[in-house]
Amino acid sequence: MKYYKYLIMEGNAYKIRTFIALQHIILIIWFFIGLFMFAYGEYIKTGIGIVSFTLLILVLMILRPSKFRVCPQDQRIQVDRAKLEKTPDSYSFSDFSSFEMDTIYWLRIPINSTLYARFNFEGKTNRHVVSQSFGRGPMQVLSNELGKLITRDQV
């Protein structure tokens, strides 16, 4: 097995490491706003509600497993969907089209980069979120690692 910086081996598949992204920071800010309201404000119940709600969401976001898995032996890519009853979408490496990176800037500073995978499946083009991060660097490295893994096994 080859070492990858942002891919974690899990059984016979690779999952993607979780990055801290903009939504995590926004929730942490809400957590501190709730703490401030609880400690220094007159709205103690509101502060407790904000703190407990944001802690619950942060724990669920951090503990959520990666939705994007690459199985090199089967030459398949699995993308889990949000609905519990649905089976994960499974694409072969030949259905893979490309990676796209979308970056949101604020004052010329990248604040969120999202890596998408595009698949051509049964005449339709599907686009799935692979991962999100603050900077373009980790997303570019992840894109290169996934590209090497997918194209290496296609040959």
Foldseek 3Di string as FASTA:
>chain_A
DDDADFWDDDPQKTAGHAADADVLVVLVVQLVVLVCCCPPNPPNVVSVVSNVVSVVVNVCVNPDGFQWMARLVVQKIWGDDPDPVDDTDIDHLVQWDAKDKDFDDDPNQTRKIWIWTWGCDPNDIDIDTRHMYRDPVVVVSVRVVVVCSSVVSVD
